[in-house]
Amino acid sequence: MMEAEYTTIKPQSSLLDIDMKELWRYRDLIYMYTKRDIVTFYKQTILGPLWFVVQPVLTTVMFMFVFGNLAGISTDGIPGVLFYFSGIIIWNYFADCLNRNSKTFTDNQSVFGKVYFPRLVVPISVTISNLVRFLIQLVLFVVIYLYYIITGAGILPNLYLLLLPLLVLMTAGISLGFGIVFSSLTTKYRDLTFLLQFGVQLWMYITPIIYPLSSISADKQWLIQLNPMTSIIETFKFGALGTGVFSWGWLGYSFGFMTLILFIGIIIFNKIEKSFMDTV
């Protein structure tokens, strides 16, 4: 006679208790959520997955016209399409992850209220699915990038470009950390959803995407570099385009910020997930 198997569901012993083995056991669910996000996000649109590349291209063209031609903002001698596109693809990944992860509890309340699974599965899957979009946009950037190198546009890539996987990891970590913080708070304070959407738009303008950090006076650059996304985008531009401001110290600051916001996010997330159905 076969012995019955039981699964014991118990509250986490501490706010920082993340059962990595449990997350690994639910890897198929992470894959399913990731696939669902990729397949259904543009399912009922005319262009479908082409929006993965159309959106950053249109944004780049708009930036070139408004900030490059009309406002005359410097691009450090780099062709505008490369300068803006290199910042946009990283920023889009960050902003998309942050905005969607901030709705984890509110968008999934019906599922969370009926079925048990590690709640972190959802924000992790969102971060991974957006990574696929980022990689598609990165391929387009590489195509444009190679064209300018072949035509002798004076682009000088260097070994710092090898830091790209770390930069992507840091971007994912910061967006995931902020996302789960806001997802936890919006279960009680819905106004934060509107505040976040407005805040992300403003955040972009204090990040060197439409202007080079070198255009800021040296005594004020540290204010912009307090933004953890600044050193990430500047490092990518420095490695790929050979221009920009690079600092191991500020990159370390961004890595430390990522660690801290993930730490805080996990604490709040673990606390809220136990009782969010009472307030959502």
C-alpha atoms as a PDB file:
ATOM      1  CA  MET A   1       0.000   0.000   0.000  1.00  0.00           C
ATOM      2  CA  MET A   2       1.474   3.318  -1.091  1.00  0.00           C
ATOM      3  CA  GLU A   3       2.147   5.889   1.557  1.00  0.00           C
ATOM      4  CA  ALA A   4       0.357   9.203   0.956  1.00  0.00           C
ATOM      5  CA  GLU A   5       2.440  12.295   0.243  1.00  0.00           C
ATOM      6  CA  TYR A   6       1.676  15.530   1.987  1.00  0.00           C
ATOM      7  CA  THR A   7       2.729  19.114   1.364  1.00  0.00           C
ATOM      8  CA  THR A   8       2.903  21.281   4.437  1.00  0.00           C
ATOM      9  CA  ILE A   9       2.152  24.964   3.950  1.00  0.00           C
ATOM     10  CA  LYS A  10       3.429  27.097   6.791  1.00  0.00           C
ATOM     11  CA  PRO A  11       4.169  30.764   7.350  1.00  0.00           C
ATOM     12  CA  GLN A  12       7.702  31.931   6.734  1.00  0.00           C
ATOM     13  CA  SER A  13       9.832  31.990   9.834  1.00  0.00           C
ATOM     14  CA  SER A  14      11.304  35.407   9.094  1.00  0.00           C
ATOM     15  CA  LEU A  15      10.698  38.348   6.807  1.00  0.00           C
ATOM     16  CA  LEU A  16      13.868  37.573   4.870  1.00  0.00           C
ATOM     17  CA  ASP A  17      13.148  33.872   4.532  1.00  0.00           C
ATOM     18  CA  ILE A  18      13.161  33.046   0.810  1.00  0.00           C
ATOM     19  CA  ASP A  19      12.810  29.370   0.048  1.00  0.00           C
ATOM     20  CA  MET A  20      14.977  29.089  -3.068  1.00  0.00           C
ATOM     21  CA  LYS A  21      14.281  25.353  -3.291  1.00  0.00           C
ATOM     22  CA  GLU A  22      10.560  26.099  -3.404  1.00  0.00           C
ATOM     23  CA  LEU A  23      11.044  28.695  -6.122  1.00  0.00           C
ATOM     24  CA  TRP A  24      13.070  26.134  -8.071  1.00  0.00           C
ATOM     25  CA  ARG A  25      10.282  23.569  -7.697  1.00  0.00           C
ATOM     26  CA  TYR A  26       7.911  26.113  -9.219  1.00  0.00           C
ATOM     27  CA  ARG A  27      10.240  26.873 -12.144  1.00  0.00           C
ATOM     28  CA  ASP A  28       7.655  25.470 -14.571  1.00  0.00           C
ATOM     29  CA  LEU A  29       5.176  28.045 -13.277  1.00  0.00           C
ATOM     30  CA  ILE A  30       7.744  30.804 -13.782  1.00  0.00           C
ATOM     31  CA  TYR A  31       8.212  29.563 -17.348  1.00  0.00           C
ATOM     32  CA  MET A  32       4.442  29.476 -17.903  1.00  0.00           C
ATOM     33  CA  TYR A  33       3.947  33.024 -16.612  1.00  0.00           C
ATOM     34  CA  THR A  34       6.902  34.243 -18.677  1.00  0.00           C
ATOM     35  CA  LYS A  35       5.563  32.627 -21.846  1.00  0.00           C
ATOM     36  CA  ARG A  36       2.081  33.991 -21.163  1.00  0.00           C
ATOM     37  CA  ASP A  37       3.415  37.522 -20.773  1.00  0.00           C
ATOM     38  CA  ILE A  38       5.364  37.362 -24.030  1.00  0.00           C
ATOM     39  CA  VAL A  39       2.567  35.749 -26.074  1.00  0.00           C
ATOM     40  CA  THR A  40      -0.429  37.701 -24.791  1.00  0.00           C
ATOM     41  CA  PHE A  41       0.980  41.173 -24.214  1.00  0.00           C
ATOM     42  CA  TYR A  42       0.539  42.237 -27.861  1.00  0.00           C
ATOM     43  CA  LYS A  43      -1.834  39.430 -28.890  1.00  0.00           C
ATOM     44  CA  GLN A  44      -4.727  41.688 -29.923  1.00  0.00           C
ATOM     45  CA  THR A  45      -2.614  44.338 -31.631  1.00  0.00           C
ATOM     46  CA  ILE A  46      -2.105  44.823 -35.356  1.00  0.00           C
ATOM     47  CA  LEU A  47       1.702  44.881 -35.281  1.00  0.00           C
ATOM     48  CA  GLY A  48       2.034  42.253 -32.559  1.00  0.00           C
ATOM     49  CA  PRO A  49       5.644  41.547 -31.475  1.00  0.00           C
ATOM     50  CA  LEU A  50       6.868  44.261 -33.854  1.00  0.00           C
ATOM     51  CA  TRP A  51       6.011  46.690 -31.061  1.00  0.00           C
ATOM     52  CA  PHE A  52       9.106  45.333 -29.317  1.00  0.00           C
ATOM     53  CA  VAL A  53      11.187  47.314 -31.825  1.00  0.00           C
ATOM     54  CA  VAL A  54       8.721  49.930 -33.075  1.00  0.00           C
ATOM     55  CA  GLN A  55       8.331  51.534 -29.656  1.00  0.00           C
ATOM     56  CA  PRO A  56      12.043  52.247 -28.979  1.00  0.00           C
ATOM     57  CA  VAL A  57      12.613  53.284 -32.600  1.00  0.00           C
ATOM     58  CA  LEU A  58       9.796  55.846 -32.506  1.00  0.00           C
ATOM     59  CA  THR A  59      11.031  57.120 -29.140  1.00  0.00           C
ATOM     60  CA  THR A  60      14.554  57.491 -30.534  1.00  0.00           C
ATOM     61  CA  VAL A  61      13.292  59.404 -33.572  1.00  0.00           C
ATOM     62  CA  MET A  62      11.275  61.730 -31.333  1.00  0.00           C
ATOM     63  CA  PHE A  63      14.288  62.348 -29.066  1.00  0.00           C
ATOM     64  CA  MET A  64      16.501  63.072 -32.080  1.00  0.00           C
ATOM     65  CA  PHE A  65      14.013  65.621 -33.396  1.00  0.00           C
ATOM     66  CA  VAL A  66      13.053  67.328 -30.132  1.00  0.00           C
ATOM     67  CA  PHE A  67      16.230  67.197 -28.044  1.00  0.00           C
ATOM     68  CA  GLY A  68      18.797  66.893 -30.825  1.00  0.00           C
ATOM     69  CA  ASN A  69      17.477  69.215 -33.531  1.00  0.00           C
ATOM     70  CA  LEU A  70      15.158  71.631 -31.740  1.00  0.00           C
ATOM     71  CA  ALA A  71      16.818  71.877 -28.329  1.00  0.00           C
ATOM     72  CA  GLY A  72      20.341  71.281 -29.659  1.00  0.00           C
ATOM     73  CA  ILE A  73      21.395  69.153 -26.687  1.00  0.00           C
ATOM     74  CA  SER A  74      24.851  67.637 -27.143  1.00  0.00           C
ATOM     75  CA  THR A  75      25.359  63.918 -27.720  1.00  0.00           C
ATOM     76  CA  ASP A  76      29.127  64.026 -27.059  1.00  0.00           C
ATOM     77  CA  GLY A  77      29.836  63.727 -30.791  1.00  0.00           C
ATOM     78  CA  ILE A  78      28.013  60.380 -31.007  1.00  0.00           C
ATOM     79  CA  PRO A  79      25.401  59.873 -33.771  1.00  0.00           C
ATOM     80  CA  GLY A  80      22.043  60.687 -32.229  1.00  0.00           C
ATOM     81  CA  VAL A  81      20.432  57.360 -33.067  1.00  0.00           C
ATOM     82  CA  LEU A  82      23.136  55.463 -31.158  1.00  0.00           C
ATOM     83  CA  PHE A  83      23.281  57.881 -28.246  1.00  0.00           C
ATOM     84  CA  TYR A  84      19.541  57.887 -27.573  1.00  0.00           C
ATOM     85  CA  PHE A  85      18.878  54.242 -28.451  1.00  0.00           C
ATOM     86  CA  SER A  86      21.606  52.979 -26.099  1.00  0.00           C
ATOM     87  CA  GLY A  87      19.912  54.709 -23.178  1.00  0.00           C
ATOM     88  CA  ILE A  88      16.333  53.984 -24.213  1.00  0.00           C
ATOM     89  CA  ILE A  89      16.657  50.185 -24.382  1.00  0.00           C
ATOM     90  CA  ILE A  90      18.032  49.951 -20.836  1.00  0.00           C
ATOM     91  CA  TRP A  91      15.557  52.495 -19.499  1.00  0.00           C
ATOM     92  CA  ASN A  92      12.597  50.742 -21.158  1.00  0.00           C
ATOM     93  CA  TYR A  93      13.595  47.479 -19.507  1.00  0.00           C
ATOM     94  CA  PHE A  94      13.816  49.178 -16.131  1.00  0.00           C
ATOM     95  CA  ALA A  95      10.569  51.150 -16.465  1.00  0.00           C
ATOM     96  CA  ASP A  96       8.536  48.226 -17.856  1.00  0.00           C
ATOM     97  CA  CYS A  97       9.662  45.903 -15.062  1.00  0.00           C
ATOM     98  CA  LEU A  98       9.020  48.506 -12.386  1.00  0.00           C
ATOM     99  CA  ASN A  99       5.553  49.480 -13.623  1.00  0.00           C
ATOM    100  CA  ARG A 100       4.336  45.919 -14.111  1.00  0.00           C
ATOM    101  CA  ASN A 101       5.849  44.530 -10.914  1.00  0.00           C
ATOM    102  CA  SER A 102       4.208  47.341  -8.951  1.00  0.00           C
ATOM    103  CA  LYS A 103       0.823  45.755  -9.801  1.00  0.00           C
ATOM    104  CA  THR A 104       1.702  42.230  -8.675  1.00  0.00           C
ATOM    105  CA  PHE A 105      -0.885  41.990  -5.880  1.00  0.00           C
ATOM    106  CA  THR A 106      -3.696  44.030  -7.439  1.00  0.00           C
ATOM    107  CA  ASP A 107      -3.513  42.327 -10.852  1.00  0.00           C
ATOM    108  CA  ASN A 108      -3.291  38.808  -9.414  1.00  0.00           C
ATOM    109  CA  GLN A 109      -5.591  39.031  -6.397  1.00  0.00           C
ATOM    110  CA  SER A 110      -8.078  36.503  -7.821  1.00  0.00           C
ATOM    111  CA  VAL A 111      -5.335  33.904  -8.325  1.00  0.00           C
ATOM    112  CA  PHE A 112      -3.540  34.628  -5.060  1.00  0.00           C
ATOM    113  CA  GLY A 113      -6.800  34.222  -3.170  1.00  0.00           C
ATOM    114  CA  LYS A 114      -7.466  30.724  -4.510  1.00  0.00           C
ATOM    115  CA  VAL A 115      -4.185  28.926  -5.199  1.00  0.00           C
ATOM    116  CA  TYR A 116      -0.993  28.687  -3.203  1.00  0.00           C
ATOM    117  CA  PHE A 117       2.374  29.180  -4.853  1.00  0.00           C
ATOM    118  CA  PRO A 118       5.364  31.382  -4.002  1.00  0.00           C
ATOM    119  CA  ARG A 119       4.161  34.911  -4.738  1.00  0.00           C
ATOM    120  CA  LEU A 120       7.616  35.962  -5.927  1.00  0.00           C
ATOM    121  CA  VAL A 121       7.019  33.746  -8.979  1.00  0.00           C
ATOM    122  CA  VAL A 122       4.972  36.541 -10.572  1.00  0.00           C
ATOM    123  CA  PRO A 123       7.433  39.483 -10.333  1.00  0.00           C
ATOM    124  CA  ILE A 124      10.313  37.171 -11.275  1.00  0.00           C
ATOM    125  CA  SER A 125       8.463  36.017 -14.400  1.00  0.00           C
ATOM    126  CA  VAL A 126       7.663  39.627 -15.330  1.00  0.00           C
ATOM    127  CA  THR A 127      11.338  40.542 -15.019  1.00  0.00           C
ATOM    128  CA  ILE A 128      12.345  37.592 -17.219  1.00  0.00           C
ATOM    129  CA  SER A 129       9.697  38.232 -19.887  1.00  0.00           C
ATOM    130  CA  ASN A 130      10.779  41.858 -20.156  1.00  0.00           C
ATOM    131  CA  LEU A 131      14.345  40.623 -20.504  1.00  0.00           C
ATOM    132  CA  VAL A 132      13.304  38.863 -23.717  1.00  0.00           C
ATOM    133  CA  ARG A 133      12.027  42.172 -25.082  1.00  0.00           C
ATOM    134  CA  PHE A 134      15.232  43.874 -24.022  1.00  0.00           C
ATOM    135  CA  LEU A 135      17.318  41.285 -25.876  1.00  0.00           C
ATOM    136  CA  ILE A 136      15.273  41.791 -29.057  1.00  0.00           C
ATOM    137  CA  GLN A 137      15.831  45.539 -28.826  1.00  0.00           C
ATOM    138  CA  LEU A 138      19.509  44.945 -28.080  1.00  0.00           C
ATOM    139  CA  VAL A 139      19.840  42.950 -31.316  1.00  0.00           C
ATOM    140  CA  LEU A 140      18.427  45.927 -33.237  1.00  0.00           C
ATOM    141  CA  PHE A 141      20.885  48.215 -31.457  1.00  0.00           C
ATOM    142  CA  VAL A 142      23.780  45.920 -32.435  1.00  0.00           C
ATOM    143  CA  VAL A 143      22.679  46.043 -36.102  1.00  0.00           C
ATOM    144  CA  ILE A 144      22.639  49.857 -36.079  1.00  0.00           C
ATOM    145  CA  TYR A 145      25.850  49.880 -34.054  1.00  0.00           C
ATOM    146  CA  LEU A 146      27.712  47.685 -36.573  1.00  0.00           C
ATOM    147  CA  TYR A 147      26.527  49.880 -39.421  1.00  0.00           C
ATOM    148  CA  TYR A 148      28.086  52.968 -37.848  1.00  0.00           C
ATOM    149  CA  ILE A 149      31.312  51.132 -37.064  1.00  0.00           C
ATOM    150  CA  ILE A 150      31.608  49.885 -40.658  1.00  0.00           C
ATOM    151  CA  THR A 151      30.926  53.352 -42.056  1.00  0.00           C
ATOM    152  CA  GLY A 152      33.663  54.840 -39.841  1.00  0.00           C
ATOM    153  CA  ALA A 153      31.589  56.977 -37.504  1.00  0.00           C
ATOM    154  CA  GLY A 154      34.384  57.122 -34.916  1.00  0.00           C
ATOM    155  CA  ILE A 155      32.741  54.776 -32.423  1.00  0.00           C
ATOM    156  CA  LEU A 156      35.309  53.397 -29.974  1.00  0.00           C
ATOM    157  CA  PRO A 157      34.068  50.347 -28.038  1.00  0.00           C
ATOM    158  CA  ASN A 158      36.229  49.073 -25.205  1.00  0.00           C
ATOM    159  CA  LEU A 159      36.484  46.223 -22.707  1.00  0.00           C
ATOM    160  CA  TYR A 160      33.992  47.876 -20.341  1.00  0.00           C
ATOM    161  CA  LEU A 161      31.319  46.664 -22.755  1.00  0.00           C
ATOM    162  CA  LEU A 162      31.838  43.228 -21.173  1.00  0.00           C
ATOM    163  CA  LEU A 163      30.098  44.612 -18.078  1.00  0.00           C
ATOM    164  CA  LEU A 164      26.772  44.537 -19.940  1.00  0.00           C
ATOM    165  CA  PRO A 165      25.481  41.313 -18.251  1.00  0.00           C
ATOM    166  CA  LEU A 166      26.207  42.888 -14.847  1.00  0.00           C
ATOM    167  CA  LEU A 167      24.448  46.106 -15.900  1.00  0.00           C
ATOM    168  CA  VAL A 168      21.377  44.158 -17.001  1.00  0.00           C
ATOM    169  CA  LEU A 169      21.384  42.222 -13.725  1.00  0.00           C
ATOM    170  CA  MET A 170      21.586  45.451 -11.734  1.00  0.00           C
ATOM    171  CA  THR A 171      18.775  47.004 -13.773  1.00  0.00           C
ATOM    172  CA  ALA A 172      16.622  43.933 -13.162  1.00  0.00           C
ATOM    173  CA  GLY A 173      17.438  43.965  -9.444  1.00  0.00           C
ATOM    174  CA  ILE A 174      16.629  47.647  -8.933  1.00  0.00           C
ATOM    175  CA  SER A 175      13.365  47.422 -10.873  1.00  0.00           C
ATOM    176  CA  LEU A 176      12.366  44.214  -9.064  1.00  0.00           C
ATOM    177  CA  GLY A 177      13.159  45.738  -5.675  1.00  0.00           C
ATOM    178  CA  PHE A 178      11.204  48.940  -6.292  1.00  0.00           C
ATOM    179  CA  GLY A 179       8.434  46.978  -7.999  1.00  0.00           C
ATOM    180  CA  ILE A 180       7.731  44.657  -5.087  1.00  0.00           C
ATOM    181  CA  VAL A 181       7.924  47.563  -2.636  1.00  0.00           C
ATOM    182  CA  PHE A 182       5.238  49.459  -4.540  1.00  0.00           C
ATOM    183  CA  SER A 183       3.184  46.319  -5.175  1.00  0.00           C
ATOM    184  CA  SER A 184       3.059  45.784  -1.425  1.00  0.00           C
ATOM    185  CA  LEU A 185       2.130  49.383  -0.623  1.00  0.00           C
ATOM    186  CA  THR A 186      -0.526  49.732  -3.346  1.00  0.00           C
ATOM    187  CA  THR A 187      -2.625  46.977  -1.739  1.00  0.00           C
ATOM    188  CA  LYS A 188      -3.600  49.623   0.814  1.00  0.00           C
ATOM    189  CA  TYR A 189      -2.737  52.917  -0.864  1.00  0.00           C
ATOM    190  CA  ARG A 190      -4.017  52.810  -4.462  1.00  0.00           C
ATOM    191  CA  ASP A 191      -2.967  56.410  -5.112  1.00  0.00           C
ATOM    192  CA  LEU A 192       0.636  55.229  -5.220  1.00  0.00           C
ATOM    193  CA  THR A 193      -0.062  53.634  -8.610  1.00  0.00           C
ATOM    194  CA  PHE A 194      -0.656  57.053 -10.185  1.00  0.00           C
ATOM    195  CA  LEU A 195       2.250  58.555  -8.264  1.00  0.00           C
ATOM    196  CA  LEU A 196       4.580  55.849  -9.557  1.00  0.00           C
ATOM    197  CA  GLN A 197       3.571  56.345 -13.203  1.00  0.00           C
ATOM    198  CA  PHE A 198       4.256  60.072 -12.901  1.00  0.00           C
ATOM    199  CA  GLY A 199       7.433  59.452 -10.919  1.00  0.00           C
ATOM    200  CA  VAL A 200       8.902  57.076 -13.507  1.00  0.00           C
ATOM    201  CA  GLN A 201       8.434  59.712 -16.207  1.00  0.00           C
ATOM    202  CA  LEU A 202      10.231  62.306 -14.099  1.00  0.00           C
ATOM    203  CA  TRP A 203      12.914  59.778 -13.169  1.00  0.00           C
ATOM    204  CA  MET A 204      13.847  59.418 -16.821  1.00  0.00           C
ATOM    205  CA  TYR A 205      14.723  63.114 -17.037  1.00  0.00           C
ATOM    206  CA  ILE A 206      17.177  62.898 -14.153  1.00  0.00           C
ATOM    207  CA  THR A 207      18.862  59.962 -15.894  1.00  0.00           C
ATOM    208  CA  PRO A 208      21.412  60.752 -18.659  1.00  0.00           C
ATOM    209  CA  ILE A 209      19.381  59.417 -21.571  1.00  0.00           C
ATOM    210  CA  ILE A 210      18.610  62.578 -23.518  1.00  0.00           C
ATOM    211  CA  TYR A 211      21.808  64.331 -22.434  1.00  0.00           C
ATOM    212  CA  PRO A 212      25.362  63.187 -21.595  1.00  0.00           C
ATOM    213  CA  LEU A 213      26.457  63.311 -17.964  1.00  0.00           C
ATOM    214  CA  SER A 214      29.532  65.222 -19.102  1.00  0.00           C
ATOM    215  CA  SER A 215      27.255  68.142 -20.035  1.00  0.00           C
ATOM    216  CA  ILE A 216      26.547  68.667 -16.324  1.00  0.00           C
ATOM    217  CA  SER A 217      29.069  70.811 -14.460  1.00  0.00           C
ATOM    218  CA  ALA A 218      31.565  68.721 -12.494  1.00  0.00           C
ATOM    219  CA  ASP A 219      30.453  70.087  -9.125  1.00  0.00           C
ATOM    220  CA  LYS A 220      26.836  68.998  -9.776  1.00  0.00           C
ATOM    221  CA  GLN A 221      27.380  65.630 -11.442  1.00  0.00           C
ATOM    222  CA  TRP A 222      27.213  63.834  -8.109  1.00  0.00           C
ATOM    223  CA  LEU A 223      23.553  64.850  -7.772  1.00  0.00           C
ATOM    224  CA  ILE A 224      22.697  63.007 -10.991  1.00  0.00           C
ATOM    225  CA  GLN A 225      24.889  60.075 -10.006  1.00  0.00           C
ATOM    226  CA  LEU A 226      22.896  59.605  -6.810  1.00  0.00           C
ATOM    227  CA  ASN A 227      20.331  58.187  -9.197  1.00  0.00           C
ATOM    228  CA  PRO A 228      21.331  54.471  -9.261  1.00  0.00           C
ATOM    229  CA  MET A 229      20.395  54.170 -12.950  1.00  0.00           C
ATOM    230  CA  THR A 230      22.887  56.878 -13.953  1.00  0.00           C
ATOM    231  CA  SER A 231      26.066  54.823 -13.597  1.00  0.00           C
ATOM    232  CA  ILE A 232      24.405  51.819 -15.274  1.00  0.00           C
ATOM    233  CA  ILE A 233      23.490  53.738 -18.420  1.00  0.00           C
ATOM    234  CA  GLU A 234      26.717  55.757 -18.437  1.00  0.00           C
ATOM    235  CA  THR A 235      28.792  52.578 -18.120  1.00  0.00           C
ATOM    236  CA  PHE A 236      26.990  50.992 -21.073  1.00  0.00           C
ATOM    237  CA  LYS A 237      27.483  54.124 -23.192  1.00  0.00           C
ATOM    238  CA  PHE A 238      31.130  54.329 -22.140  1.00  0.00           C
ATOM    239  CA  GLY A 239      31.785  50.707 -23.058  1.00  0.00           C
ATOM    240  CA  ALA A 240      29.825  50.679 -26.318  1.00  0.00           C
ATOM    241  CA  LEU A 241      30.365  54.205 -27.622  1.00  0.00           C
ATOM    242  CA  GLY A 242      33.678  55.144 -26.026  1.00  0.00           C
ATOM    243  CA  THR A 243      32.290  58.303 -24.466  1.00  0.00           C
ATOM    244  CA  GLY A 244      30.679  59.168 -21.169  1.00  0.00           C
ATOM    245  CA  VAL A 245      31.610  59.191 -17.501  1.00  0.00           C
ATOM    246  CA  PHE A 246      32.695  55.910 -15.935  1.00  0.00           C
ATOM    247  CA  SER A 247      33.479  55.301 -12.269  1.00  0.00           C
ATOM    248  CA  TRP A 248      33.938  52.025 -10.422  1.00  0.00           C
ATOM    249  CA  GLY A 249      32.923  53.843  -7.266  1.00  0.00           C
ATOM    250  CA  TRP A 250      29.557  55.006  -8.615  1.00  0.00           C
ATOM    251  CA  LEU A 251      28.948  51.625 -10.236  1.00  0.00           C
ATOM    252  CA  GLY A 252      29.590  50.038  -6.850  1.00  0.00           C
ATOM    253  CA  TYR A 253      27.133  52.510  -5.341  1.00  0.00           C
ATOM    254  CA  SER A 254      24.449  51.364  -7.813  1.00  0.00           C
ATOM    255  CA  PHE A 255      25.175  47.726  -6.983  1.00  0.00           C
ATOM    256  CA  GLY A 256      24.889  48.476  -3.281  1.00  0.00           C
ATOM    257  CA  PHE A 257      21.643  50.370  -3.887  1.00  0.00           C
ATOM    258  CA  MET A 258      20.278  47.362  -5.779  1.00  0.00           C
ATOM    259  CA  THR A 259      21.141  45.076  -2.871  1.00  0.00           C
ATOM    260  CA  LEU A 260      19.522  47.431  -0.362  1.00  0.00           C
ATOM    261  CA  ILE A 261      16.277  47.937  -2.300  1.00  0.00           C
ATOM    262  CA  LEU A 262      15.934  44.186  -2.858  1.00  0.00           C
ATOM    263  CA  PHE A 263      16.514  43.654   0.871  1.00  0.00           C
ATOM    264  CA  ILE A 264      13.821  46.188   1.770  1.00  0.00           C
ATOM    265  CA  GLY A 265      11.493  44.908  -0.942  1.00  0.00           C
ATOM    266  CA  ILE A 266      11.692  41.314   0.262  1.00  0.00           C
ATOM    267  CA  ILE A 267      10.987  42.344   3.861  1.00  0.00           C
ATOM    268  CA  ILE A 268       7.895  44.340   2.894  1.00  0.00           C
ATOM    269  CA  PHE A 269       6.722  41.765   0.340  1.00  0.00           C
ATOM    270  CA  ASN A 270       6.988  38.876   2.803  1.00  0.00           C
ATOM    271  CA  LYS A 271       5.069  40.854   5.398  1.00  0.00           C
ATOM    272  CA  ILE A 272       2.259  41.992   3.097  1.00  0.00           C
ATOM    273  CA  GLU A 273       1.694  38.694   1.251  1.00  0.00           C
ATOM    274  CA  LYS A 274       0.414  37.069   4.446  1.00  0.00           C
ATOM    275  CA  SER A 275      -2.448  39.506   4.884  1.00  0.00           C
ATOM    276  CA  PHE A 276      -2.914  41.372   1.594  1.00  0.00           C
ATOM    277  CA  MET A 277      -6.292  39.673   0.882  1.00  0.00           C
ATOM    278  CA  ASP A 278      -7.691  41.572   3.860  1.00  0.00           C
ATOM    279  CA  THR A 279      -6.815  44.950   2.376  1.00  0.00           C
ATOM    280  CA  VAL A 280      -6.688  44.500  -1.418  1.00  0.00           C
END
